Every structure is written in C-alpha cells, then in structure tokens.
mmCIF file of all heavy atoms, coordinates in Angstrom:
data_MODEL
# 
_entry.id   MODEL 
# 
loop_
_atom_site.group_PDB 
_atom_site.id 
_atom_site.type_symbol 
_atom_site.label_atom_id 
_atom_site.label_alt_id 
_atom_site.label_comp_id 
_atom_site.label_asym_id 
_atom_site.label_entity_id 
_atom_site.label_seq_id 
_atom_site.pdbx_PDB_ins_code 
_atom_site.Cartn_x 
_atom_site.Cartn_y 
_atom_site.Cartn_z 
_atom_site.occupancy 
_atom_site.B_iso_or_equiv 
_atom_site.pdbx_formal_charge 
_atom_site.auth_seq_id 
_atom_site.auth_comp_id 
_atom_site.auth_asym_id 
_atom_site.auth_atom_id 
_atom_site.pdbx_PDB_model_num 
ATOM 1   N N   . CYS A 1 1  ? 14.021 6.672  -5.827 1.00 0.00 ? 1  CYS A N   1 
ATOM 2   C CA  . CYS A 1 1  ? 12.558 6.856  -5.964 1.00 0.00 ? 1  CYS A CA  1 
ATOM 3   C C   . CYS A 1 1  ? 11.858 6.995  -4.619 1.00 0.00 ? 1  CYS A C   1 
ATOM 4   O O   . CYS A 1 1  ? 10.667 6.728  -4.514 1.00 0.00 ? 1  CYS A O   1 
ATOM 5   C CB  . CYS A 1 1  ? 11.941 5.718  -6.767 1.00 0.00 ? 1  CYS A CB  1 
ATOM 6   S SG  . CYS A 1 1  ? 12.363 5.703  -8.512 1.00 0.00 ? 1  CYS A SG  1 
ATOM 7   N N   . ALA A 1 2  ? 12.623 7.364  -3.595 1.00 0.00 ? 2  ALA A N   1 
ATOM 8   C CA  . ALA A 1 2  ? 12.010 7.440  -2.259 1.00 0.00 ? 2  ALA A CA  1 
ATOM 9   C C   . ALA A 1 2  ? 10.838 8.396  -2.162 1.00 0.00 ? 2  ALA A C   1 
ATOM 10  O O   . ALA A 1 2  ? 9.962  8.234  -1.317 1.00 0.00 ? 2  ALA A O   1 
ATOM 11  C CB  . ALA A 1 2  ? 13.089 7.814  -1.223 1.00 0.00 ? 2  ALA A CB  1 
ATOM 12  N N   . ASP A 1 3  ? 10.795 9.374  -3.055 1.00 0.00 ? 3  ASP A N   1 
ATOM 13  C CA  . ASP A 1 3  ? 9.659  10.311 -3.037 1.00 0.00 ? 3  ASP A CA  1 
ATOM 14  C C   . ASP A 1 3  ? 8.348  9.653  -3.379 1.00 0.00 ? 3  ASP A C   1 
ATOM 15  O O   . ASP A 1 3  ? 7.301  10.273 -3.178 1.00 0.00 ? 3  ASP A O   1 
ATOM 16  C CB  . ASP A 1 3  ? 9.946  11.464 -4.032 1.00 0.00 ? 3  ASP A CB  1 
ATOM 17  C CG  . ASP A 1 3  ? 11.033 12.417 -3.544 1.00 0.00 ? 3  ASP A CG  1 
ATOM 18  O OD1 . ASP A 1 3  ? 11.395 12.363 -2.376 1.00 0.00 ? 3  ASP A OD1 1 
ATOM 19  O OD2 . ASP A 1 3  ? 11.519 13.219 -4.409 1.00 0.00 ? 3  ASP A OD2 1 
ATOM 20  N N   . SER A 1 4  ? 8.374  8.429  -3.858 1.00 0.00 ? 4  SER A N   1 
ATOM 21  C CA  . SER A 1 4  ? 7.179  7.705  -4.235 1.00 0.00 ? 4  SER A CA  1 
ATOM 22  C C   . SER A 1 4  ? 6.590  6.914  -3.066 1.00 0.00 ? 4  SER A C   1 
ATOM 23  O O   . SER A 1 4  ? 5.604  6.222  -3.262 1.00 0.00 ? 4  SER A O   1 
ATOM 24  C CB  . SER A 1 4  ? 7.471  6.760  -5.404 1.00 0.00 ? 4  SER A CB  1 
ATOM 25  O OG  . SER A 1 4  ? 7.838  7.449  -6.544 1.00 0.00 ? 4  SER A OG  1 
ATOM 26  N N   . GLN A 1 5  ? 7.134  7.048  -1.871 1.00 0.00 ? 5  GLN A N   1 
ATOM 27  C CA  . GLN A 1 5  ? 6.649  6.226  -0.775 1.00 0.00 ? 5  GLN A CA  1 
ATOM 28  C C   . GLN A 1 5  ? 5.195  6.482  -0.427 1.00 0.00 ? 5  GLN A C   1 
ATOM 29  O O   . GLN A 1 5  ? 4.456  5.576  -0.080 1.00 0.00 ? 5  GLN A O   1 
ATOM 30  C CB  . GLN A 1 5  ? 7.541  6.409  0.459  1.00 0.00 ? 5  GLN A CB  1 
ATOM 31  C CG  . GLN A 1 5  ? 7.575  7.846  1.008  1.00 0.00 ? 5  GLN A CG  1 
ATOM 32  C CD  . GLN A 1 5  ? 8.526  7.962  2.149  1.00 0.00 ? 5  GLN A CD  1 
ATOM 33  O OE1 . GLN A 1 5  ? 8.175  7.595  3.276  1.00 0.00 ? 5  GLN A OE1 1 
ATOM 34  N NE2 . GLN A 1 5  ? 9.703  8.481  1.917  1.00 0.00 ? 5  GLN A NE2 1 
ATOM 35  N N   . ASP A 1 6  ? 4.730  7.746  -0.563 1.00 0.00 ? 6  ASP A N   1 
ATOM 36  C CA  . ASP A 1 6  ? 3.321  8.014  -0.254 1.00 0.00 ? 6  ASP A CA  1 
ATOM 37  C C   . ASP A 1 6  ? 2.386  7.329  -1.253 1.00 0.00 ? 6  ASP A C   1 
ATOM 38  O O   . ASP A 1 6  ? 1.310  6.847  -0.882 1.00 0.00 ? 6  ASP A O   1 
ATOM 39  C CB  . ASP A 1 6  ? 3.070  9.532  -0.277 1.00 0.00 ? 6  ASP A CB  1 
ATOM 40  C CG  . ASP A 1 6  ? 3.687  10.245 0.922  1.00 0.00 ? 6  ASP A CG  1 
ATOM 41  O OD1 . ASP A 1 6  ? 3.985  9.554  1.940  1.00 0.00 ? 6  ASP A OD1 1 
ATOM 42  O OD2 . ASP A 1 6  ? 3.870  11.443 0.873  1.00 0.00 ? 6  ASP A OD2 1 
ATOM 43  N N   . ALA A 1 7  ? 2.841  7.231  -2.495 1.00 0.00 ? 7  ALA A N   1 
ATOM 44  C CA  . ALA A 1 7  ? 2.036  6.501  -3.491 1.00 0.00 ? 7  ALA A CA  1 
ATOM 45  C C   . ALA A 1 7  ? 2.001  5.009  -3.162 1.00 0.00 ? 7  ALA A C   1 
ATOM 46  O O   . ALA A 1 7  ? 0.980  4.348  -3.358 1.00 0.00 ? 7  ALA A O   1 
ATOM 47  C CB  . ALA A 1 7  ? 2.603  6.694  -4.898 1.00 0.00 ? 7  ALA A CB  1 
ATOM 48  N N   . ALA A 1 8  ? 3.137  4.488  -2.671 1.00 0.00 ? 8  ALA A N   1 
ATOM 49  C CA  . ALA A 1 8  ? 3.175  3.086  -2.294 1.00 0.00 ? 8  ALA A CA  1 
ATOM 50  C C   . ALA A 1 8  ? 2.231  2.830  -1.099 1.00 0.00 ? 8  ALA A C   1 
ATOM 51  O O   . ALA A 1 8  ? 1.526  1.812  -1.035 1.00 0.00 ? 8  ALA A O   1 
ATOM 52  C CB  . ALA A 1 8  ? 4.589  2.692  -1.920 1.00 0.00 ? 8  ALA A CB  1 
ATOM 53  N N   . ILE A 1 9  ? 2.224  3.755  -0.132 1.00 0.00 ? 9  ILE A N   1 
ATOM 54  C CA  . ILE A 1 9  ? 1.302  3.614  0.997  1.00 0.00 ? 9  ILE A CA  1 
ATOM 55  C C   . ILE A 1 9  ? -0.159 3.663  0.530  1.00 0.00 ? 9  ILE A C   1 
ATOM 56  O O   . ILE A 1 9  ? -1.004 2.847  0.928  1.00 0.00 ? 9  ILE A O   1 
ATOM 57  C CB  . ILE A 1 9  ? 1.570  4.720  2.058  1.00 0.00 ? 9  ILE A CB  1 
ATOM 58  C CG1 . ILE A 1 9  ? 2.997  4.531  2.629  1.00 0.00 ? 9  ILE A CG1 1 
ATOM 59  C CG2 . ILE A 1 9  ? 0.527  4.720  3.108  1.00 0.00 ? 9  ILE A CG2 1 
ATOM 60  C CD1 . ILE A 1 9  ? 3.463  5.728  3.438  1.00 0.00 ? 9  ILE A CD1 1 
ATOM 61  N N   . ALA A 1 10 ? -0.455 4.596  -0.348 1.00 0.00 ? 10 ALA A N   1 
ATOM 62  C CA  . ALA A 1 10 ? -1.833 4.752  -0.870 1.00 0.00 ? 10 ALA A CA  1 
ATOM 63  C C   . ALA A 1 10 ? -2.272 3.533  -1.648 1.00 0.00 ? 10 ALA A C   1 
ATOM 64  O O   . ALA A 1 10 ? -3.459 3.202  -1.699 1.00 0.00 ? 10 ALA A O   1 
ATOM 65  C CB  . ALA A 1 10 ? -1.917 5.972  -1.767 1.00 0.00 ? 10 ALA A CB  1 
ATOM 66  N N   . ALA A 1 11 ? -1.313 2.811  -2.241 1.00 0.00 ? 11 ALA A N   1 
ATOM 67  C CA  . ALA A 1 11 ? -1.619 1.580  -2.986 1.00 0.00 ? 11 ALA A CA  1 
ATOM 68  C C   . ALA A 1 11 ? -1.710 0.354  -2.104 1.00 0.00 ? 11 ALA A C   1 
ATOM 69  O O   . ALA A 1 11 ? -1.880 -0.753 -2.572 1.00 0.00 ? 11 ALA A O   1 
ATOM 70  C CB  . ALA A 1 11 ? -0.546 1.364  -4.065 1.00 0.00 ? 11 ALA A CB  1 
ATOM 71  N N   . GLY A 1 12 ? -1.594 0.547  -0.778 1.00 0.00 ? 12 GLY A N   1 
ATOM 72  C CA  . GLY A 1 12 ? -1.746 -0.537 0.157  1.00 0.00 ? 12 GLY A CA  1 
ATOM 73  C C   . GLY A 1 12 ? -0.541 -1.455 0.241  1.00 0.00 ? 12 GLY A C   1 
ATOM 74  O O   . GLY A 1 12 ? -0.690 -2.630 0.590  1.00 0.00 ? 12 GLY A O   1 
ATOM 75  N N   . CYS A 1 13 ? 0.658  -0.904 -0.033 1.00 0.00 ? 13 CYS A N   1 
ATOM 76  C CA  . CYS A 1 13 ? 1.847  -1.735 -0.021 1.00 0.00 ? 13 CYS A CA  1 
ATOM 77  C C   . CYS A 1 13 ? 2.348  -1.962 1.403  1.00 0.00 ? 13 CYS A C   1 
ATOM 78  O O   . CYS A 1 13 ? 2.298  -1.061 2.225  1.00 0.00 ? 13 CYS A O   1 
ATOM 79  C CB  . CYS A 1 13 ? 2.946  -1.100 -0.854 1.00 0.00 ? 13 CYS A CB  1 
ATOM 80  S SG  . CYS A 1 13 ? 2.554  -1.040 -2.613 1.00 0.00 ? 13 CYS A SG  1 
ATOM 81  N N   . ASP A 1 14 ? 2.872  -3.147 1.648  1.00 0.00 ? 14 ASP A N   1 
ATOM 82  C CA  . ASP A 1 14 ? 3.505  -3.450 2.923  1.00 0.00 ? 14 ASP A CA  1 
ATOM 83  C C   . ASP A 1 14 ? 4.973  -3.052 2.913  1.00 0.00 ? 14 ASP A C   1 
ATOM 84  O O   . ASP A 1 14 ? 5.559  -2.861 3.977  1.00 0.00 ? 14 ASP A O   1 
ATOM 85  C CB  . ASP A 1 14 ? 3.421  -4.963 3.186  1.00 0.00 ? 14 ASP A CB  1 
ATOM 86  C CG  . ASP A 1 14 ? 1.974  -5.449 3.196  1.00 0.00 ? 14 ASP A CG  1 
ATOM 87  O OD1 . ASP A 1 14 ? 1.179  -4.945 4.010  1.00 0.00 ? 14 ASP A OD1 1 
ATOM 88  O OD2 . ASP A 1 14 ? 1.654  -6.318 2.341  1.00 0.00 ? 14 ASP A OD2 1 
ATOM 89  N N   . ALA A 1 15 ? 5.576  -2.971 1.720  1.00 0.00 ? 15 ALA A N   1 
ATOM 90  C CA  . ALA A 1 15 ? 6.988  -2.607 1.599  1.00 0.00 ? 15 ALA A CA  1 
ATOM 91  C C   . ALA A 1 15 ? 7.235  -1.854 0.321  1.00 0.00 ? 15 ALA A C   1 
ATOM 92  O O   . ALA A 1 15 ? 6.502  -2.040 -0.654 1.00 0.00 ? 15 ALA A O   1 
ATOM 93  C CB  . ALA A 1 15 ? 7.854  -3.877 1.669  1.00 0.00 ? 15 ALA A CB  1 
ATOM 94  N N   . PHE A 1 16 ? 8.269  -1.049 0.352  1.00 0.00 ? 16 PHE A N   1 
ATOM 95  C CA  . PHE A 1 16 ? 8.722  -0.295 -0.814 1.00 0.00 ? 16 PHE A CA  1 
ATOM 96  C C   . PHE A 1 16 ? 10.192 -0.466 -0.929 1.00 0.00 ? 16 PHE A C   1 
ATOM 97  O O   . PHE A 1 16 ? 10.953 -0.113 -0.036 1.00 0.00 ? 16 PHE A O   1 
ATOM 98  C CB  . PHE A 1 16 ? 8.343  1.179  -0.688 1.00 0.00 ? 16 PHE A CB  1 
ATOM 99  C CG  . PHE A 1 16 ? 8.734  2.061  -1.846 1.00 0.00 ? 16 PHE A CG  1 
ATOM 100 C CD1 . PHE A 1 16 ? 8.746  1.562  -3.141 1.00 0.00 ? 16 PHE A CD1 1 
ATOM 101 C CD2 . PHE A 1 16 ? 9.062  3.387  -1.652 1.00 0.00 ? 16 PHE A CD2 1 
ATOM 102 C CE1 . PHE A 1 16 ? 9.091  2.352  -4.214 1.00 0.00 ? 16 PHE A CE1 1 
ATOM 103 C CE2 . PHE A 1 16 ? 9.430  4.202  -2.697 1.00 0.00 ? 16 PHE A CE2 1 
ATOM 104 C CZ  . PHE A 1 16 ? 9.422  3.686  -3.998 1.00 0.00 ? 16 PHE A CZ  1 
ATOM 105 N N   . VAL A 1 17 ? 10.650 -1.037 -2.045 1.00 0.00 ? 17 VAL A N   1 
ATOM 106 C CA  . VAL A 1 17 ? 12.067 -1.305 -2.301 1.00 0.00 ? 17 VAL A CA  1 
ATOM 107 C C   . VAL A 1 17 ? 12.583 -0.259 -3.274 1.00 0.00 ? 17 VAL A C   1 
ATOM 108 O O   . VAL A 1 17 ? 12.099 -0.119 -4.414 1.00 0.00 ? 17 VAL A O   1 
ATOM 109 C CB  . VAL A 1 17 ? 12.313 -2.696 -2.881 1.00 0.00 ? 17 VAL A CB  1 
ATOM 110 C CG1 . VAL A 1 17 ? 13.817 -2.936 -3.124 1.00 0.00 ? 17 VAL A CG1 1 
ATOM 111 C CG2 . VAL A 1 17 ? 11.738 -3.756 -1.957 1.00 0.00 ? 17 VAL A CG2 1 
ATOM 112 N N   . THR A 1 18 ? 13.575 0.527  -2.840 1.00 0.00 ? 18 THR A N   1 
ATOM 113 C CA  . THR A 1 18 ? 14.171 1.565  -3.703 1.00 0.00 ? 18 THR A CA  1 
ATOM 114 C C   . THR A 1 18 ? 15.582 1.815  -3.189 1.00 0.00 ? 18 THR A C   1 
ATOM 115 O O   . THR A 1 18 ? 16.231 0.898  -2.632 1.00 0.00 ? 18 THR A O   1 
ATOM 116 C CB  . THR A 1 18 ? 13.290 2.833  -3.719 1.00 0.00 ? 18 THR A CB  1 
ATOM 117 O OG1 . THR A 1 18 ? 13.843 3.798  -4.661 1.00 0.00 ? 18 THR A OG1 1 
ATOM 118 C CG2 . THR A 1 18 ? 13.156 3.466  -2.360 1.00 0.00 ? 18 THR A CG2 1 
ATOM 119 N N   . SER A 1 19 ? 16.085 3.056  -3.376 1.00 0.00 ? 19 SER A N   1 
ATOM 120 C CA  . SER A 1 19 ? 17.431 3.361  -2.848 1.00 0.00 ? 19 SER A CA  1 
ATOM 121 C C   . SER A 1 19 ? 17.527 4.857  -2.468 1.00 0.00 ? 19 SER A C   1 
ATOM 122 O O   . SER A 1 19 ? 16.591 5.611  -2.722 1.00 0.00 ? 19 SER A O   1 
ATOM 123 C CB  . SER A 1 19 ? 18.506 3.048  -3.882 1.00 0.00 ? 19 SER A CB  1 
ATOM 124 O OG  . SER A 1 19 ? 18.507 3.986  -4.954 1.00 0.00 ? 19 SER A OG  1 
ATOM 125 N N   . ASP A 1 20 ? 18.653 5.193  -1.876 1.00 0.00 ? 20 ASP A N   1 
ATOM 126 C CA  . ASP A 1 20 ? 18.959 6.587  -1.502 1.00 0.00 ? 20 ASP A CA  1 
ATOM 127 C C   . ASP A 1 20 ? 17.901 7.147  -0.542 1.00 0.00 ? 20 ASP A C   1 
ATOM 128 O O   . ASP A 1 20 ? 17.510 8.342  -0.665 1.00 0.00 ? 20 ASP A O   1 
ATOM 129 C CB  . ASP A 1 20 ? 19.073 7.474  -2.744 1.00 0.00 ? 20 ASP A CB  1 
ATOM 130 C CG  . ASP A 1 20 ? 20.159 6.961  -3.716 1.00 0.00 ? 20 ASP A CG  1 
ATOM 131 O OD1 . ASP A 1 20 ? 20.920 6.073  -3.326 1.00 0.00 ? 20 ASP A OD1 1 
ATOM 132 O OD2 . ASP A 1 20 ? 20.197 7.491  -4.834 1.00 0.00 ? 20 ASP A OD2 1 
ATOM 133 N N   . ILE A 1 21 ? 17.361 6.316  0.363  1.00 0.00 ? 21 ILE A N   1 
ATOM 134 C CA  . ILE A 1 21 ? 16.358 6.761  1.308  1.00 0.00 ? 21 ILE A CA  1 
ATOM 135 C C   . ILE A 1 21 ? 16.995 7.615  2.416  1.00 0.00 ? 21 ILE A C   1 
ATOM 136 O O   . ILE A 1 21 ? 18.042 7.273  2.934  1.00 0.00 ? 21 ILE A O   1 
ATOM 137 C CB  . ILE A 1 21 ? 15.610 5.549  1.921  1.00 0.00 ? 21 ILE A CB  1 
ATOM 138 C CG1 . ILE A 1 21 ? 14.917 4.762  0.827  1.00 0.00 ? 21 ILE A CG1 1 
ATOM 139 C CG2 . ILE A 1 21 ? 14.635 5.980  2.995  1.00 0.00 ? 21 ILE A CG2 1 
ATOM 140 C CD1 . ILE A 1 21 ? 14.303 3.448  1.314  1.00 0.00 ? 21 ILE A CD1 1 
ATOM 141 N N   . LYS A 1 22 ? 16.346 8.713  2.779  1.00 0.00 ? 22 LYS A N   1 
ATOM 142 C CA  . LYS A 1 22 ? 16.857 9.596  3.782  1.00 0.00 ? 22 LYS A CA  1 
ATOM 143 C C   . LYS A 1 22 ? 16.521 9.130  5.205  1.00 0.00 ? 22 LYS A C   1 
ATOM 144 O O   . LYS A 1 22 ? 15.551 8.382  5.412  1.00 0.00 ? 22 LYS A O   1 
ATOM 145 C CB  . LYS A 1 22 ? 16.301 11.017 3.548  1.00 0.00 ? 22 LYS A CB  1 
ATOM 146 C CG  . LYS A 1 22 ? 16.778 11.655 2.229  1.00 0.00 ? 22 LYS A CG  1 
ATOM 147 C CD  . LYS A 1 22 ? 16.159 13.023 2.045  1.00 0.00 ? 22 LYS A CD  1 
ATOM 148 C CE  . LYS A 1 22 ? 16.611 13.638 0.730  1.00 0.00 ? 22 LYS A CE  1 
ATOM 149 N NZ  . LYS A 1 22 ? 15.999 14.990 0.519  1.00 0.00 ? 22 LYS A NZ  1 
ATOM 150 N N   . TYR A 1 23 ? 17.279 9.634  6.125  1.00 0.00 ? 23 TYR A N   1 
ATOM 151 C CA  . TYR A 1 23 ? 17.107 9.243  7.545  1.00 0.00 ? 23 TYR A CA  1 
ATOM 152 C C   . TYR A 1 23 ? 15.720 9.503  8.034  1.00 0.00 ? 23 TYR A C   1 
ATOM 153 O O   . TYR A 1 23 ? 15.072 8.624  8.661  1.00 0.00 ? 23 TYR A O   1 
ATOM 154 C CB  . TYR A 1 23 ? 18.152 10.021 8.402  1.00 0.00 ? 23 TYR A CB  1 
ATOM 155 C CG  . TYR A 1 23 ? 17.860 9.891  9.911  1.00 0.00 ? 23 TYR A CG  1 
ATOM 156 C CD1 . TYR A 1 23 ? 18.180 8.733  10.583 1.00 0.00 ? 23 TYR A CD1 1 
ATOM 157 C CD2 . TYR A 1 23 ? 17.295 10.968 10.598 1.00 0.00 ? 23 TYR A CD2 1 
ATOM 158 C CE1 . TYR A 1 23 ? 17.952 8.638  11.945 1.00 0.00 ? 23 TYR A CE1 1 
ATOM 159 C CE2 . TYR A 1 23 ? 17.075 10.865 11.949 1.00 0.00 ? 23 TYR A CE2 1 
ATOM 160 C CZ  . TYR A 1 23 ? 17.367 9.693  12.630 1.00 0.00 ? 23 TYR A CZ  1 
ATOM 161 O OH  . TYR A 1 23 ? 17.157 9.584  13.975 1.00 0.00 ? 23 TYR A OH  1 
ATOM 162 N N   . HIS A 1 24 ? 15.157 10.698 7.762  1.00 0.00 ? 24 HIS A N   1 
ATOM 163 C CA  . HIS A 1 24 ? 13.844 11.002 8.330  1.00 0.00 ? 24 HIS A CA  1 
ATOM 164 C C   . HIS A 1 24 ? 12.767 10.129 7.701  1.00 0.00 ? 24 HIS A C   1 
ATOM 165 O O   . HIS A 1 24 ? 11.720 9.878  8.338  1.00 0.00 ? 24 HIS A O   1 
ATOM 166 C CB  . HIS A 1 24 ? 13.497 12.474 8.128  1.00 0.00 ? 24 HIS A CB  1 
ATOM 167 C CG  . HIS A 1 24 ? 13.290 12.913 6.701  1.00 0.00 ? 24 HIS A CG  1 
ATOM 168 N ND1 . HIS A 1 24 ? 12.096 12.698 6.079  1.00 0.00 ? 24 HIS A ND1 1 
ATOM 169 C CD2 . HIS A 1 24 ? 14.109 13.496 5.828  1.00 0.00 ? 24 HIS A CD2 1 
ATOM 170 C CE1 . HIS A 1 24 ? 12.191 13.180 4.832  1.00 0.00 ? 24 HIS A CE1 1 
ATOM 171 N NE2 . HIS A 1 24 ? 13.379 13.679 4.655  1.00 0.00 ? 24 HIS A NE2 1 
ATOM 172 N N   . ASP A 1 25 ? 12.982 9.610  6.464  1.00 0.00 ? 25 ASP A N   1 
ATOM 173 C CA  . ASP A 1 25 ? 12.026 8.705  5.894  1.00 0.00 ? 25 ASP A CA  1 
ATOM 174 C C   . ASP A 1 25 ? 12.013 7.366  6.609  1.00 0.00 ? 25 ASP A C   1 
ATOM 175 O O   . ASP A 1 25 ? 10.949 6.782  6.886  1.00 0.00 ? 25 ASP A O   1 
ATOM 176 C CB  . ASP A 1 25 ? 12.358 8.473  4.402  1.00 0.00 ? 25 ASP A CB  1 
ATOM 177 C CG  . ASP A 1 25 ? 12.098 9.689  3.536  1.00 0.00 ? 25 ASP A CG  1 
ATOM 178 O OD1 . ASP A 1 25 ? 11.161 10.423 3.833  1.00 0.00 ? 25 ASP A OD1 1 
ATOM 179 O OD2 . ASP A 1 25 ? 12.904 9.926  2.609  1.00 0.00 ? 25 ASP A OD2 1 
ATOM 180 N N   . PHE A 1 26 ? 13.194 6.864  6.957  1.00 0.00 ? 26 PHE A N   1 
ATOM 181 C CA  . PHE A 1 26 ? 13.266 5.656  7.778  1.00 0.00 ? 26 PHE A CA  1 
ATOM 182 C C   . PHE A 1 26 ? 12.628 5.870  9.140  1.00 0.00 ? 26 PHE A C   1 
ATOM 183 O O   . PHE A 1 26 ? 11.917 5.015  9.662  1.00 0.00 ? 26 PHE A O   1 
ATOM 184 C CB  . PHE A 1 26 ? 14.720 5.266  8.012  1.00 0.00 ? 26 PHE A CB  1 
ATOM 185 C CG  . PHE A 1 26 ? 15.363 4.509  6.839  1.00 0.00 ? 26 PHE A CG  1 
ATOM 186 C CD1 . PHE A 1 26 ? 16.553 4.961  6.286  1.00 0.00 ? 26 PHE A CD1 1 
ATOM 187 C CD2 . PHE A 1 26 ? 14.784 3.373  6.337  1.00 0.00 ? 26 PHE A CD2 1 
ATOM 188 C CE1 . PHE A 1 26 ? 17.143 4.264  5.233  1.00 0.00 ? 26 PHE A CE1 1 
ATOM 189 C CE2 . PHE A 1 26 ? 15.344 2.655  5.281  1.00 0.00 ? 26 PHE A CE2 1 
ATOM 190 C CZ  . PHE A 1 26 ? 16.552 3.118  4.731  1.00 0.00 ? 26 PHE A CZ  1 
# 
C-alpha cells in the first residue's frame, strides 16, 4: 500500500506502516 503515503501525509500522520516500499520512497 505504499502508494497511499501521500494520503497518510495529508492526514497528518507521523508514520506509515506497510510493505513493499520502493527505494525512492524511502
């Protein structure tokens, strides 16, 4: 679900726990 990171940021999250995250996302 790494594609949801922008939604997590918009929701004011400090962290997003998921899997299969790509290098450029890190």
